């Protein structure tokens, strides 16, 4: 579990890995941020 969280945090910080962070997350806020980043 801790390694997964470290991986998720690392992926959230890079635009290329953000989609994978969304898959690892159960938070709707992260999904919204990713969709907004894709639209920009």
N, C-alpha and C. Protein backbone atom coordinates (compact mmCIF):
# COMPACT_ATOMS: atom_id res chain seq x y z
N UNK A 1 0.82 -1.20 0.00
CA UNK A 1 0.00 0.00 0.00
C UNK A 1 0.86 1.27 0.00
N UNK A 2 1.86 1.40 0.86
CA UNK A 2 2.66 2.63 0.83
C UNK A 2 3.38 2.84 -0.50
N UNK A 3 3.87 1.77 -1.12
CA UNK A 3 4.54 1.92 -2.41
C UNK A 3 3.57 2.39 -3.48
N UNK A 4 2.34 1.94 -3.42
CA UNK A 4 1.33 2.38 -4.38
C UNK A 4 1.06 3.86 -4.22
N UNK A 5 0.99 4.33 -2.99
CA UNK A 5 0.75 5.76 -2.75
C UNK A 5 1.92 6.60 -3.25
N UNK A 6 3.14 6.13 -3.05
CA UNK A 6 4.31 6.85 -3.55
C UNK A 6 4.27 6.92 -5.07
N UNK A 7 3.94 5.81 -5.70
CA UNK A 7 3.82 5.77 -7.15
C UNK A 7 2.74 6.73 -7.64
N UNK A 8 1.60 6.73 -6.98
CA UNK A 8 0.49 7.60 -7.36
C UNK A 8 0.88 9.08 -7.25
N UNK A 9 1.56 9.44 -6.18
CA UNK A 9 1.98 10.84 -6.00
C UNK A 9 2.97 11.23 -7.09
N UNK A 10 3.89 10.33 -7.42
CA UNK A 10 4.85 10.62 -8.48
C UNK A 10 4.18 10.79 -9.83
N UNK A 11 3.20 9.95 -10.11
CA UNK A 11 2.50 10.04 -11.39
C UNK A 11 1.64 11.29 -11.50
N UNK A 12 1.07 11.73 -10.38
CA UNK A 12 0.25 12.94 -10.40
C UNK A 12 1.06 14.17 -10.78
N UNK A 13 2.34 14.15 -10.50
CA UNK A 13 3.16 15.33 -10.75
C UNK A 13 3.60 15.47 -12.20
N UNK A 14 3.45 14.41 -13.00
CA UNK A 14 3.86 14.51 -14.39
C UNK A 14 2.64 14.40 -15.31
N UNK A 15 2.57 15.24 -16.33
CA UNK A 15 1.42 15.19 -17.25
C UNK A 15 1.28 13.85 -17.98
N UNK A 16 2.42 13.21 -18.28
CA UNK A 16 2.37 11.94 -18.99
C UNK A 16 1.82 10.81 -18.13
N UNK A 17 2.01 10.90 -16.83
CA UNK A 17 1.58 9.82 -15.95
C UNK A 17 0.29 10.09 -15.23
N UNK A 18 -0.29 11.25 -15.46
CA UNK A 18 -1.49 11.62 -14.72
C UNK A 18 -2.66 10.67 -14.98
N UNK A 19 -2.76 10.15 -16.19
CA UNK A 19 -3.86 9.24 -16.51
C UNK A 19 -3.77 7.96 -15.68
N UNK A 20 -2.55 7.51 -15.42
CA UNK A 20 -2.39 6.31 -14.62
C UNK A 20 -2.69 6.61 -13.15
N UNK A 21 -2.36 7.81 -12.70
CA UNK A 21 -2.68 8.21 -11.34
C UNK A 21 -4.19 8.23 -11.14
N UNK A 22 -4.92 8.63 -12.18
CA UNK A 22 -6.38 8.63 -12.11
C UNK A 22 -6.90 7.22 -11.93
N UNK A 23 -6.30 6.28 -12.63
CA UNK A 23 -6.74 4.89 -12.52
C UNK A 23 -6.45 4.32 -11.13
N UNK A 24 -5.39 4.80 -10.48
CA UNK A 24 -5.04 4.32 -9.15
C UNK A 24 -5.82 5.04 -8.05
N UNK A 25 -6.49 6.11 -8.41
CA UNK A 25 -7.17 6.93 -7.44
C UNK A 25 -8.66 6.64 -7.39
N UNK A 26 -9.25 6.94 -6.24
CA UNK A 26 -10.70 6.85 -6.12
C UNK A 26 -11.30 8.24 -5.91
N UNK A 27 -10.49 9.26 -6.15
CA UNK A 27 -10.93 10.63 -5.93
C UNK A 27 -11.47 11.24 -7.22
N UNK A 28 -12.62 11.83 -7.14
CA UNK A 28 -13.24 12.48 -8.30
C UNK A 28 -12.50 13.77 -8.64
N UNK A 29 -11.95 14.44 -7.64
CA UNK A 29 -11.26 15.71 -7.87
C UNK A 29 -10.08 15.53 -8.82
N UNK A 30 -9.33 14.45 -8.67
CA UNK A 30 -8.20 14.19 -9.54
C UNK A 30 -8.66 13.95 -10.98
N UNK A 31 -9.77 13.28 -11.15
CA UNK A 31 -10.32 13.05 -12.48
C UNK A 31 -10.70 14.38 -13.11
N UNK A 32 -11.32 15.27 -12.35
CA UNK A 32 -11.71 16.59 -12.86
C UNK A 32 -10.48 17.39 -13.29
N UNK A 33 -9.42 17.34 -12.50
CA UNK A 33 -8.20 18.08 -12.83
C UNK A 33 -7.58 17.54 -14.11
N UNK A 34 -7.61 16.24 -14.28
CA UNK A 34 -7.04 15.62 -15.48
C UNK A 34 -7.85 16.00 -16.71
N UNK A 35 -9.16 15.96 -16.62
CA UNK A 35 -10.00 16.36 -17.74
C UNK A 35 -9.77 17.81 -18.11
N UNK A 36 -9.62 18.66 -17.11
CA UNK A 36 -9.40 20.07 -17.37
C UNK A 36 -8.02 20.27 -18.02
N UNK A 37 -7.01 19.54 -17.60
CA UNK A 37 -5.68 19.65 -18.19
C UNK A 37 -5.69 19.20 -19.65
N UNK A 38 -6.49 18.20 -19.96
CA UNK A 38 -6.58 17.73 -21.34
C UNK A 38 -7.26 18.75 -22.24
N UNK A 39 -8.18 19.53 -21.69
CA UNK A 39 -8.89 20.52 -22.47
C UNK A 39 -8.06 21.77 -22.73
N UNK A 40 -7.06 22.02 -21.87
CA UNK A 40 -6.22 23.23 -22.02
C UNK A 40 -5.25 23.12 -23.11
